[in-house]
Each structure stands twice: as C-alpha cells, then as structure tokens.
Amino acid sequence: MKIEILGVGCPKCRQLTANAELAAKELNICAEISKITDIGKITEYDVIMTPALVIDGKVVSSGRVLSKDEIKKIIAV
C-alpha cells in the first residue's frame, strides 16, 4: 500500500502524516508512506486544499486532518 501526504509541511500536514503512520502501524499494514511537498506534484492530483491524503494514487481526503481512526477505516477495506 502506498500512502502519500500532500502538503507543504505545515503543522496540519505533519499531524496527518503522524496519524497515517499510527493507523498503518496499528493495523499491521505494510505501507510506504511519503510526503509530497512540491506544489507542482500536488496540483497533478487536482487538490485545491491541503493537507490531502492519497492512498494508492487516489485522493481520499483533502483540506482536513483525518484522525487515526478515520484513516484506519479507509485503509482497512
């Protein structure tokens, strides 16, 4: 599973990254988690607001910080 956090490194982006890492760890899911901070790459995803969460190439959330439990529900499918 590939999880990407889109954002320029603001506190909300860092929190979303931490929540995604915890969610993957608690579910025992092997996930490659990366941060995308390049504005050009972020716009390729058609994201208007950051932070955004991308799972396996699909934007599942943008403009808000999902909680660890919300992320767990998304990636457990």
PDB file of N, CA and C in Angstrom:
ATOM      1  N   MET A   1       0.853  -1.175   0.000  1.00  0.00           N
ATOM      2  CA  MET A   1       0.000   0.000   0.000  1.00  0.00           C
ATOM      3  C   MET A   1       0.893   1.230   0.000  1.00  0.00           C
ATOM      4  N   LYS A   2       0.512   2.206  -0.805  1.00  0.00           N
ATOM      5  CA  LYS A   2       1.262   3.447  -0.881  1.00  0.00           C
ATOM      6  C   LYS A   2       0.375   4.580  -0.355  1.00  0.00           C
ATOM      7  N   ILE A   3       0.872   5.255   0.676  1.00  0.00           N
ATOM      8  CA  ILE A   3       0.141   6.371   1.275  1.00  0.00           C
ATOM      9  C   ILE A   3       0.974   7.625   1.068  1.00  0.00           C
ATOM     10  N   GLU A   4       0.342   8.649   0.513  1.00  0.00           N
ATOM     11  CA  GLU A   4       1.035   9.923   0.296  1.00  0.00           C
ATOM     12  C   GLU A   4       0.294  11.029   1.033  1.00  0.00           C
ATOM     13  N   ILE A   5       1.066  11.898   1.652  1.00  0.00           N
ATOM     14  CA  ILE A   5       0.527  13.083   2.308  1.00  0.00           C
ATOM     15  C   ILE A   5       0.926  14.273   1.447  1.00  0.00           C
ATOM     16  N   LEU A   6      -0.060  15.007   0.963  1.00  0.00           N
ATOM     17  CA  LEU A   6       0.215  16.175   0.138  1.00  0.00           C
ATOM     18  C   LEU A   6       0.107  17.425   0.986  1.00  0.00           C
ATOM     19  N   GLY A   7       1.163  18.222   0.980  1.00  0.00           N
ATOM     20  CA  GLY A   7       1.164  19.467   1.735  1.00  0.00           C
ATOM     21  C   GLY A   7       2.560  20.044   1.796  1.00  0.00           C
ATOM     22  N   VAL A   8       2.628  21.301   2.167  1.00  0.00           N
ATOM     23  CA  VAL A   8       3.914  21.997   2.150  1.00  0.00           C
ATOM     24  C   VAL A   8       4.689  21.886   3.460  1.00  0.00           C
ATOM     25  N   GLY A   9       4.186  21.136   4.408  1.00  0.00           N
ATOM     26  CA  GLY A   9       4.919  20.927   5.653  1.00  0.00           C
ATOM     27  C   GLY A   9       4.379  21.692   6.842  1.00  0.00           C
ATOM     28  N   CYS A  10       3.149  22.161   6.752  1.00  0.00           N
ATOM     29  CA  CYS A  10       2.528  22.891   7.851  1.00  0.00           C
ATOM     30  C   CYS A  10       2.222  21.931   9.006  1.00  0.00           C
ATOM     31  N   PRO A  11       1.869  22.456  10.165  1.00  0.00           N
ATOM     32  CA  PRO A  11       1.535  21.583  11.298  1.00  0.00           C
ATOM     33  C   PRO A  11       0.418  20.580  10.993  1.00  0.00           C
ATOM     34  N   LYS A  12      -0.580  20.983  10.211  1.00  0.00           N
ATOM     35  CA  LYS A  12      -1.670  20.069   9.869  1.00  0.00           C
ATOM     36  C   LYS A  12      -1.154  18.911   9.006  1.00  0.00           C
ATOM     37  N   CYS A  13      -0.224  19.219   8.097  1.00  0.00           N
ATOM     38  CA  CYS A  13       0.355  18.178   7.245  1.00  0.00           C
ATOM     39  C   CYS A  13       1.154  17.190   8.093  1.00  0.00           C
ATOM     40  N   ARG A  14       1.893  17.698   9.043  1.00  0.00           N
ATOM     41  CA  ARG A  14       2.689  16.830   9.916  1.00  0.00           C
ATOM     42  C   ARG A  14       1.782  15.960  10.784  1.00  0.00           C
ATOM     43  N   GLN A  15       0.662  16.512  11.238  1.00  0.00           N
ATOM     44  CA  GLN A  15      -0.276  15.729  12.051  1.00  0.00           C
ATOM     45  C   GLN A  15      -0.922  14.630  11.228  1.00  0.00           C
ATOM     46  N   LEU A  16      -1.293  14.943   9.985  1.00  0.00           N
ATOM     47  CA  LEU A  16      -1.889  13.932   9.116  1.00  0.00           C
ATOM     48  C   LEU A  16      -0.894  12.806   8.851  1.00  0.00           C
ATOM     49  N   THR A  17       0.364  13.150   8.668  1.00  0.00           N
ATOM     50  CA  THR A  17       1.405  12.140   8.461  1.00  0.00           C
ATOM     51  C   THR A  17       1.513  11.237   9.682  1.00  0.00           C
ATOM     52  N   ALA A  18       1.555  11.835  10.856  1.00  0.00           N
ATOM     53  CA  ALA A  18       1.659  11.062  12.097  1.00  0.00           C
ATOM     54  C   ALA A  18       0.449  10.145  12.265  1.00  0.00           C
ATOM     55  N   ASN A  19      -0.738  10.653  11.964  1.00  0.00           N
ATOM     56  CA  ASN A  19      -1.957   9.846  12.085  1.00  0.00           C
ATOM     57  C   ASN A  19      -1.942   8.671  11.104  1.00  0.00           C
ATOM     58  N   ALA A  20      -1.469   8.908   9.887  1.00  0.00           N
ATOM     59  CA  ALA A  20      -1.399   7.839   8.892  1.00  0.00           C
ATOM     60  C   ALA A  20      -0.400   6.770   9.323  1.00  0.00           C
ATOM     61  N   GLU A  21       0.732   7.192   9.854  1.00  0.00           N
ATOM     62  CA  GLU A  21       1.740   6.237  10.329  1.00  0.00           C
ATOM     63  C   GLU A  21       1.185   5.377  11.463  1.00  0.00           C
ATOM     64  N   LEU A  22       0.490   6.017  12.406  1.00  0.00           N
ATOM     65  CA  LEU A  22      -0.107   5.267  13.517  1.00  0.00           C
ATOM     66  C   LEU A  22      -1.177   4.295  13.034  1.00  0.00           C
ATOM     67  N   ALA A  23      -2.012   4.741  12.106  1.00  0.00           N
ATOM     68  CA  ALA A  23      -3.082   3.890  11.590  1.00  0.00           C
ATOM     69  C   ALA A  23      -2.507   2.644  10.926  1.00  0.00           C
ATOM     70  N   ALA A  24      -1.495   2.822  10.089  1.00  0.00           N
ATOM     71  CA  ALA A  24      -0.876   1.683   9.407  1.00  0.00           C
ATOM     72  C   ALA A  24      -0.224   0.741  10.415  1.00  0.00           C
ATOM     73  N   LYS A  25       0.433   1.324  11.408  1.00  0.00           N
ATOM     74  CA  LYS A  25       1.112   0.511  12.425  1.00  0.00           C
ATOM     75  C   LYS A  25       0.108  -0.299  13.233  1.00  0.00           C
ATOM     76  N   GLU A  26      -0.981   0.331  13.656  1.00  0.00           N
ATOM     77  CA  GLU A  26      -1.974  -0.355  14.477  1.00  0.00           C
ATOM     78  C   GLU A  26      -2.696  -1.459  13.709  1.00  0.00           C
ATOM     79  N   LEU A  27      -2.826  -1.283  12.385  1.00  0.00           N
ATOM     80  CA  LEU A  27      -3.479  -2.303  11.568  1.00  0.00           C
ATOM     81  C   LEU A  27      -2.480  -3.346  11.056  1.00  0.00           C
ATOM     82  N   ASN A  28      -1.214  -3.160  11.404  1.00  0.00           N
ATOM     83  CA  ASN A  28      -0.157  -4.077  10.945  1.00  0.00           C
ATOM     84  C   ASN A  28      -0.100  -4.143   9.428  1.00  0.00           C
ATOM     85  N   ILE A  29      -0.276  -2.999   8.781  1.00  0.00           N
ATOM     86  CA  ILE A  29      -0.249  -2.927   7.329  1.00  0.00           C
ATOM     87  C   ILE A  29       1.109  -2.404   6.894  1.00  0.00           C
ATOM     88  N   CYS A  30       1.721  -3.107   5.970  1.00  0.00           N
ATOM     89  CA  CYS A  30       2.989  -2.656   5.415  1.00  0.00           C
ATOM     90  C   CYS A  30       2.657  -1.560   4.399  1.00  0.00           C
ATOM     91  N   ALA A  31       3.006  -0.342   4.726  1.00  0.00           N
ATOM     92  CA  ALA A  31       2.678   0.781   3.861  1.00  0.00           C
ATOM     93  C   ALA A  31       3.904   1.645   3.632  1.00  0.00           C
ATOM     94  N   GLU A  32       4.042   2.088   2.404  1.00  0.00           N
ATOM     95  CA  GLU A  32       5.074   3.058   2.058  1.00  0.00           C
ATOM     96  C   GLU A  32       4.426   4.433   2.224  1.00  0.00           C
ATOM     97  N   ILE A  33       4.897   5.179   3.217  1.00  0.00           N
ATOM     98  CA  ILE A  33       4.311   6.491   3.497  1.00  0.00           C
ATOM     99  C   ILE A  33       5.311   7.557   3.072  1.00  0.00           C
ATOM    100  N   SER A  34       4.843   8.477   2.227  1.00  0.00           N
ATOM    101  CA  SER A  34       5.722   9.543   1.760  1.00  0.00           C
ATOM    102  C   SER A  34       4.992  10.879   1.815  1.00  0.00           C
ATOM    103  N   LYS A  35       5.803  11.932   1.903  1.00  0.00           N
ATOM    104  CA  LYS A  35       5.262  13.290   1.932  1.00  0.00           C
ATOM    105  C   LYS A  35       5.580  13.952   0.604  1.00  0.00           C
ATOM    106  N   ILE A  36       4.587  14.551  -0.018  1.00  0.00           N
ATOM    107  CA  ILE A  36       4.766  15.283  -1.260  1.00  0.00           C
ATOM    108  C   ILE A  36       4.619  16.761  -0.931  1.00  0.00           C
ATOM    109  N   THR A  37       5.710  17.504  -1.067  1.00  0.00           N
ATOM    110  CA  THR A  37       5.686  18.926  -0.720  1.00  0.00           C
ATOM    111  C   THR A  37       5.807  19.832  -1.948  1.00  0.00           C
ATOM    112  N   ASP A  38       6.123  19.258  -3.090  1.00  0.00           N
ATOM    113  CA  ASP A  38       6.283  20.033  -4.317  1.00  0.00           C
ATOM    114  C   ASP A  38       4.910  20.459  -4.840  1.00  0.00           C
ATOM    115  N   ILE A  39       4.706  21.761  -4.960  1.00  0.00           N
ATOM    116  CA  ILE A  39       3.405  22.296  -5.385  1.00  0.00           C
ATOM    117  C   ILE A  39       3.003  21.745  -6.753  1.00  0.00           C
ATOM    118  N   GLY A  40       3.952  21.619  -7.658  1.00  0.00           N
ATOM    119  CA  GLY A  40       3.656  21.081  -8.984  1.00  0.00           C
ATOM    120  C   GLY A  40       3.095  19.677  -8.917  1.00  0.00           C
ATOM    121  N   LYS A  41       3.687  18.837  -8.073  1.00  0.00           N
ATOM    122  CA  LYS A  41       3.197  17.459  -7.937  1.00  0.00           C
ATOM    123  C   LYS A  41       1.848  17.419  -7.236  1.00  0.00           C
ATOM    124  N   ILE A  42       1.659  18.326  -6.266  1.00  0.00           N
ATOM    125  CA  ILE A  42       0.378  18.376  -5.554  1.00  0.00           C
ATOM    126  C   ILE A  42      -0.749  18.739  -6.521  1.00  0.00           C
ATOM    127  N   THR A  43      -0.500  19.703  -7.397  1.00  0.00           N
ATOM    128  CA  THR A  43      -1.549  20.114  -8.341  1.00  0.00           C
ATOM    129  C   THR A  43      -1.864  19.029  -9.365  1.00  0.00           C
ATOM    130  N   GLU A  44      -0.931  18.104  -9.598  1.00  0.00           N
ATOM    131  CA  GLU A  44      -1.212  16.988 -10.502  1.00  0.00           C
ATOM    132  C   GLU A  44      -2.349  16.111  -9.975  1.00  0.00           C
ATOM    133  N   TYR A  45      -2.574  16.152  -8.667  1.00  0.00           N
ATOM    134  CA  TYR A  45      -3.655  15.377  -8.061  1.00  0.00           C
ATOM    135  C   TYR A  45      -4.978  16.154  -8.037  1.00  0.00           C
ATOM    136  N   ASP A  46      -4.989  17.363  -8.596  1.00  0.00           N
ATOM    137  CA  ASP A  46      -6.176  18.233  -8.594  1.00  0.00           C
ATOM    138  C   ASP A  46      -6.657  18.534  -7.184  1.00  0.00           C
ATOM    139  N   VAL A  47      -5.712  18.686  -6.271  1.00  0.00           N
ATOM    140  CA  VAL A  47      -6.036  19.028  -4.887  1.00  0.00           C
ATOM    141  C   VAL A  47      -5.997  20.539  -4.745  1.00  0.00           C
ATOM    142  N   ILE A  48      -7.079  21.104  -4.212  1.00  0.00           N
ATOM    143  CA  ILE A  48      -7.147  22.547  -4.021  1.00  0.00           C
ATOM    144  C   ILE A  48      -6.692  22.927  -2.619  1.00  0.00           C
ATOM    145  N   MET A  49      -7.045  22.114  -1.632  1.00  0.00           N
ATOM    146  CA  MET A  49      -6.673  22.418  -0.248  1.00  0.00           C
ATOM    147  C   MET A  49      -5.832  21.287   0.323  1.00  0.00           C
ATOM    148  N   THR A  50      -4.827  21.677   1.085  1.00  0.00           N
ATOM    149  CA  THR A  50      -4.006  20.693   1.780  1.00  0.00           C
ATOM    150  C   THR A  50      -4.279  20.818   3.272  1.00  0.00           C
ATOM    151  N   PRO A  51      -3.977  19.819   4.041  1.00  0.00           N
ATOM    152  CA  PRO A  51      -3.329  18.577   3.645  1.00  0.00           C
ATOM    153  C   PRO A  51      -4.297  17.652   2.920  1.00  0.00           C
ATOM    154  N   ALA A  52      -3.712  16.771   2.130  1.00  0.00           N
ATOM    155  CA  ALA A  52      -4.517  15.779   1.429  1.00  0.00           C
ATOM    156  C   ALA A  52      -3.903  14.408   1.666  1.00  0.00           C
ATOM    157  N   LEU A  53      -4.758  13.403   1.663  1.00  0.00           N
ATOM    158  CA  LEU A  53      -4.329  12.033   1.860  1.00  0.00           C
ATOM    159  C   LEU A  53      -4.623  11.252   0.584  1.00  0.00           C
ATOM    160  N   VAL A  54      -3.578  10.616   0.058  1.00  0.00           N
ATOM    161  CA  VAL A  54      -3.691   9.832  -1.174  1.00  0.00           C
ATOM    162  C   VAL A  54      -3.331   8.394  -0.842  1.00  0.00           C
ATOM    163  N   ILE A  55      -4.189   7.474  -1.208  1.00  0.00           N
ATOM    164  CA  ILE A  55      -3.923   6.060  -0.974  1.00  0.00           C
ATOM    165  C   ILE A  55      -3.951   5.338  -2.317  1.00  0.00           C
ATOM    166  N   ASP A  56      -2.819   4.723  -2.631  1.00  0.00           N
ATOM    167  CA  ASP A  56      -2.656   4.005  -3.897  1.00  0.00           C
ATOM    168  C   ASP A  56      -3.090   4.850  -5.088  1.00  0.00           C
ATOM    169  N   GLY A  57      -2.678   6.119  -5.085  1.00  0.00           N
ATOM    170  CA  GLY A  57      -2.924   7.012  -6.209  1.00  0.00           C
ATOM    171  C   GLY A  57      -4.267   7.710  -6.223  1.00  0.00           C
ATOM    172  N   LYS A  58      -5.124   7.428  -5.239  1.00  0.00           N
ATOM    173  CA  LYS A  58      -6.456   8.029  -5.199  1.00  0.00           C
ATOM    174  C   LYS A  58      -6.564   8.992  -4.014  1.00  0.00           C
ATOM    175  N   VAL A  59      -6.984  10.215  -4.288  1.00  0.00           N
ATOM    176  CA  VAL A  59      -7.187  11.201  -3.221  1.00  0.00           C
ATOM    177  C   VAL A  59      -8.417  10.791  -2.431  1.00  0.00           C
ATOM    178  N   VAL A  60      -8.229  10.551  -1.129  1.00  0.00           N
ATOM    179  CA  VAL A  60      -9.356  10.134  -0.290  1.00  0.00           C
ATOM    180  C   VAL A  60      -9.806  11.238   0.653  1.00  0.00           C
ATOM    181  N   SER A  61      -8.977  12.269   0.791  1.00  0.00           N
ATOM    182  CA  SER A  61      -9.342  13.387   1.662  1.00  0.00           C
ATOM    183  C   SER A  61      -8.477  14.583   1.317  1.00  0.00           C
ATOM    184  N   SER A  62      -9.068  15.779   1.396  1.00  0.00           N
ATOM    185  CA  SER A  62      -8.273  16.995   1.240  1.00  0.00           C
ATOM    186  C   SER A  62      -8.891  18.115   2.066  1.00  0.00           C
ATOM    187  N   GLY A  63      -8.018  18.975   2.552  1.00  0.00           N
ATOM    188  CA  GLY A  63      -8.478  20.143   3.291  1.00  0.00           C
ATOM    189  C   GLY A  63      -8.734  19.921   4.768  1.00  0.00           C
ATOM    190  N   ARG A  64      -8.454  18.712   5.256  1.00  0.00           N
ATOM    191  CA  ARG A  64      -8.655  18.467   6.687  1.00  0.00           C
ATOM    192  C   ARG A  64      -7.720  17.367   7.174  1.00  0.00           C
ATOM    193  N   VAL A  65      -7.543  17.357   8.469  1.00  0.00           N
ATOM    194  CA  VAL A  65      -6.692  16.348   9.104  1.00  0.00           C
ATOM    195  C   VAL A  65      -7.585  15.201   9.577  1.00  0.00           C
ATOM    196  N   LEU A  66      -7.458  14.070   8.908  1.00  0.00           N
ATOM    197  CA  LEU A  66      -8.217  12.899   9.340  1.00  0.00           C
ATOM    198  C   LEU A  66      -7.594  12.344  10.614  1.00  0.00           C
ATOM    199  N   SER A  67      -8.425  11.842  11.486  1.00  0.00           N
ATOM    200  CA  SER A  67      -7.922  11.214  12.705  1.00  0.00           C
ATOM    201  C   SER A  67      -7.340   9.852  12.359  1.00  0.00           C
ATOM    202  N   LYS A  68      -6.586   9.310  13.284  1.00  0.00           N
ATOM    203  CA  LYS A  68      -6.016   7.974  13.112  1.00  0.00           C
ATOM    204  C   LYS A  68      -7.130   6.963  12.835  1.00  0.00           C
ATOM    205  N   ASP A  69      -8.225   7.044  13.584  1.00  0.00           N
ATOM    206  CA  ASP A  69      -9.323   6.094  13.418  1.00  0.00           C
ATOM    207  C   ASP A  69     -10.020   6.247  12.068  1.00  0.00           C
ATOM    208  N   GLU A  70     -10.157   7.474  11.586  1.00  0.00           N
ATOM    209  CA  GLU A  70     -10.754   7.683  10.268  1.00  0.00           C
ATOM    210  C   GLU A  70      -9.880   7.058   9.178  1.00  0.00           C
ATOM    211  N   ILE A  71      -8.582   7.222   9.324  1.00  0.00           N
ATOM    212  CA  ILE A  71      -7.657   6.644   8.348  1.00  0.00           C
ATOM    213  C   ILE A  71      -7.700   5.121   8.410  1.00  0.00           C
ATOM    214  N   LYS A  72      -7.797   4.587   9.606  1.00  0.00           N
ATOM    215  CA  LYS A  72      -7.874   3.137   9.759  1.00  0.00           C
ATOM    216  C   LYS A  72      -9.088   2.577   9.023  1.00  0.00           C
ATOM    217  N   LYS A  73     -10.226   3.258   9.099  1.00  0.00           N
ATOM    218  CA  LYS A  73     -11.432   2.807   8.402  1.00  0.00           C
ATOM    219  C   LYS A  73     -11.223   2.793   6.899  1.00  0.00           C
ATOM    220  N   ILE A  74     -10.491   3.766   6.391  1.00  0.00           N
ATOM    221  CA  ILE A  74     -10.258   3.861   4.942  1.00  0.00           C
ATOM    222  C   ILE A  74      -9.302   2.783   4.476  1.00  0.00           C
ATOM    223  N   ILE A  75      -8.207   2.574   5.192  1.00  0.00           N
ATOM    224  CA  ILE A  75      -7.186   1.634   4.704  1.00  0.00           C
ATOM    225  C   ILE A  75      -7.484   0.180   5.065  1.00  0.00           C
ATOM    226  N   ALA A  76      -8.426  -0.054   5.955  1.00  0.00           N
ATOM    227  CA  ALA A  76      -8.746  -1.424   6.351  1.00  0.00           C
ATOM    228  C   ALA A  76      -9.623  -2.138   5.333  1.00  0.00           C
ATOM    229  N   VAL A  77     -10.113  -1.416   4.354  1.00  0.00           N
ATOM    230  CA  VAL A  77     -11.023  -2.000   3.348  1.00  0.00           C
ATOM    231  C   VAL A  77     -10.296  -2.978   2.473  1.00  0.00           C
TER     232      VAL A  77
END
